[in-house]
Amino acid sequence: MGERDERLERLASFPDVVADAAHAAAARPTPEGEWTPEQVARHLIAVDLEVHQRRLRDIAAEDEPSWSWQEPGPWPHEPGLGLDGVLERFAAVRADTLSMYGALDDGGWARVGRHATFGRLDADGLLGLVVDHDAEHLEGLT
């Protein structure tokens, strides 16, 4: 299995991994100043929708789009979902993100954009950012 396939597998399995960690973290008090497990899951939704999916659409539609650093807060919609509902929503949003990667042909994987912090990134580079961001927030839950 190549590095891209491993990253895609991590992307696909992450909703289950984060759900387990969020449920375990929900049983402990949230440290002052930290996000609750639900807020972390809501943040992951916002990042997939507002950052990852948007950038994938950009490289499909534009020649070398430019991106700034973005770190949205927790997704504010559907406030009554509760932790399980938010985790289900994240799984659905992540499936959409994964589908967008799956729809890329060789030319799509080769297209690039320019990130203000990370420089030139192709779809593999964007995928690496998703995996790294996931790992960062998983660590915060454990």
Protein backbone atom coordinates (compact mmCIF):
# COMPACT_ATOMS: atom_id res chain seq x y z
CA MET A 1 0.00 0.00 0.00
CA GLY A 2 1.42 3.38 -0.98
CA GLU A 3 1.57 6.50 1.16
CA ARG A 4 -1.49 8.01 -0.56
CA ASP A 5 -3.53 4.87 0.05
CA GLU A 6 -2.47 4.83 3.70
CA ARG A 7 -3.55 8.45 4.10
CA LEU A 8 -6.88 7.76 2.41
CA GLU A 9 -7.41 4.80 4.72
CA ARG A 10 -6.67 7.00 7.74
CA LEU A 11 -9.14 9.55 6.39
CA ALA A 12 -11.80 6.85 6.00
CA SER A 13 -11.28 5.27 9.42
CA PHE A 14 -10.98 8.52 11.37
CA PRO A 15 -14.70 9.02 12.14
CA ASP A 16 -14.73 5.73 14.08
CA VAL A 17 -11.42 6.52 15.79
CA VAL A 18 -12.52 10.00 16.84
CA ALA A 19 -15.91 8.69 17.98
CA ASP A 20 -14.23 6.21 20.34
CA ALA A 21 -11.90 8.91 21.67
CA ALA A 22 -14.72 11.46 22.03
CA HIS A 23 -16.90 9.03 23.98
CA ALA A 24 -14.00 8.19 26.30
CA ALA A 25 -13.17 11.89 26.74
CA ALA A 26 -16.83 12.72 27.45
CA ALA A 27 -16.59 10.59 30.59
CA ARG A 28 -13.86 12.89 31.96
CA PRO A 29 -14.14 16.54 32.94
CA THR A 30 -13.05 18.90 30.15
CA PRO A 31 -10.03 20.93 31.26
CA GLU A 32 -10.72 24.63 31.62
CA GLY A 33 -10.14 26.49 28.37
CA GLU A 34 -10.30 23.32 26.25
CA TRP A 35 -13.05 22.27 23.87
CA THR A 36 -15.51 19.57 24.88
CA PRO A 37 -15.50 16.38 22.79
CA GLU A 38 -18.61 17.66 20.99
CA GLN A 39 -16.89 20.96 20.19
CA VAL A 40 -13.87 19.08 18.82
CA ALA A 41 -16.15 17.01 16.56
CA ARG A 42 -17.95 20.19 15.48
CA HIS A 43 -14.59 21.77 14.66
CA LEU A 44 -13.67 18.75 12.53
CA ILE A 45 -16.93 19.19 10.60
CA ALA A 46 -16.21 22.88 10.01
CA VAL A 47 -12.66 22.17 8.87
CA ASP A 48 -13.75 19.50 6.40
CA LEU A 49 -16.51 21.73 4.98
CA GLU A 50 -14.81 25.12 5.03
CA VAL A 51 -11.18 24.17 4.45
CA HIS A 52 -10.56 20.72 2.98
CA GLN A 53 -13.57 20.46 0.67
CA ARG A 54 -13.26 24.08 -0.42
CA ARG A 55 -9.60 23.58 -1.36
CA LEU A 56 -10.41 20.45 -3.34
CA ARG A 57 -13.08 22.38 -5.24
CA ASP A 58 -10.58 25.19 -5.81
CA ILE A 59 -7.92 22.98 -7.40
CA ALA A 60 -10.58 21.42 -9.61
CA ALA A 61 -11.82 24.81 -10.83
CA GLU A 62 -8.80 27.14 -10.84
CA ASP A 63 -5.21 27.17 -11.99
CA GLU A 64 -3.03 27.42 -8.89
CA PRO A 65 -5.51 28.89 -6.39
CA SER A 66 -4.21 30.67 -3.29
CA TRP A 67 -5.19 29.73 0.25
CA SER A 68 -4.67 31.48 3.54
CA TRP A 69 -4.38 29.84 6.94
CA GLN A 70 -7.84 28.92 8.21
CA GLU A 71 -8.81 27.37 11.52
CA PRO A 72 -12.58 27.65 11.90
CA GLY A 73 -14.26 27.26 15.25
CA PRO A 74 -16.83 24.58 15.98
CA TRP A 75 -19.55 24.08 13.36
CA PRO A 76 -22.49 26.11 14.71
CA HIS A 77 -25.41 24.41 12.97
CA GLU A 78 -27.92 21.97 14.46
CA PRO A 79 -27.10 22.79 18.09
CA GLY A 80 -29.38 20.08 19.50
CA LEU A 81 -27.60 17.12 17.91
CA GLY A 82 -25.62 16.11 20.97
CA LEU A 83 -22.33 14.24 20.80
CA ASP A 84 -23.62 11.17 18.96
CA GLY A 85 -25.48 13.24 16.38
CA VAL A 86 -22.45 15.45 15.79
CA LEU A 87 -20.23 12.39 15.37
CA GLU A 88 -22.69 10.98 12.84
CA ARG A 89 -22.70 14.30 10.99
CA PHE A 90 -18.90 14.31 10.98
CA ALA A 91 -18.85 10.77 9.54
CA ALA A 92 -21.16 11.91 6.71
CA VAL A 93 -19.12 15.05 6.00
CA ARG A 94 -15.88 13.05 6.05
CA ALA A 95 -17.40 10.54 3.61
CA ASP A 96 -18.07 13.48 1.27
CA THR A 97 -14.45 14.64 1.63
CA LEU A 98 -13.21 11.13 0.91
CA SER A 99 -15.50 10.95 -2.12
CA MET A 100 -13.98 14.16 -3.45
CA TYR A 101 -10.51 12.63 -3.21
CA GLY A 102 -11.81 9.45 -4.84
CA ALA A 103 -13.15 11.45 -7.79
CA LEU A 104 -9.71 12.85 -8.64
CA ASP A 105 -8.04 11.46 -11.74
CA ASP A 106 -4.27 11.64 -12.27
CA GLY A 107 -4.58 15.21 -13.50
CA GLY A 108 -6.60 16.17 -10.44
CA TRP A 109 -4.00 14.71 -8.10
CA ALA A 110 -1.31 16.70 -9.94
CA ARG A 111 -3.08 20.08 -9.78
CA VAL A 112 -1.62 22.52 -7.27
CA GLY A 113 -2.48 25.55 -5.23
CA ARG A 114 -0.42 27.86 -3.09
CA HIS A 115 -0.90 27.93 0.66
CA ALA A 116 0.28 31.03 2.53
CA THR A 117 1.98 28.91 5.21
CA PHE A 118 2.81 25.61 3.50
CA GLY A 119 3.67 26.82 -0.01
CA ARG A 120 2.77 24.87 -3.14
CA LEU A 121 0.54 21.88 -2.46
CA ASP A 122 -0.98 19.29 -4.74
CA ALA A 123 -3.90 17.05 -3.70
CA ASP A 124 -1.49 14.69 -1.91
CA GLY A 125 -0.17 17.66 0.07
CA LEU A 126 -3.70 18.67 0.99
CA LEU A 127 -4.41 15.10 2.04
CA GLY A 128 -1.38 15.19 4.31
CA LEU A 129 -2.70 18.33 5.98
CA VAL A 130 -6.04 16.61 6.66
CA VAL A 131 -4.33 13.61 8.26
CA ASP A 132 -2.04 15.82 10.35
CA HIS A 133 -4.96 17.96 11.52
CA ASP A 134 -6.95 14.86 12.46
CA ALA A 135 -4.02 13.52 14.49
CA GLU A 136 -3.62 16.82 16.32
CA HIS A 137 -7.24 16.82 17.48
CA LEU A 138 -7.24 13.11 18.31
CA GLU A 139 -4.28 13.74 20.59
CA GLY A 140 -6.31 16.46 22.34
CA LEU A 141 -9.07 13.96 23.11
CA THR A 142 -6.83 11.27 24.55
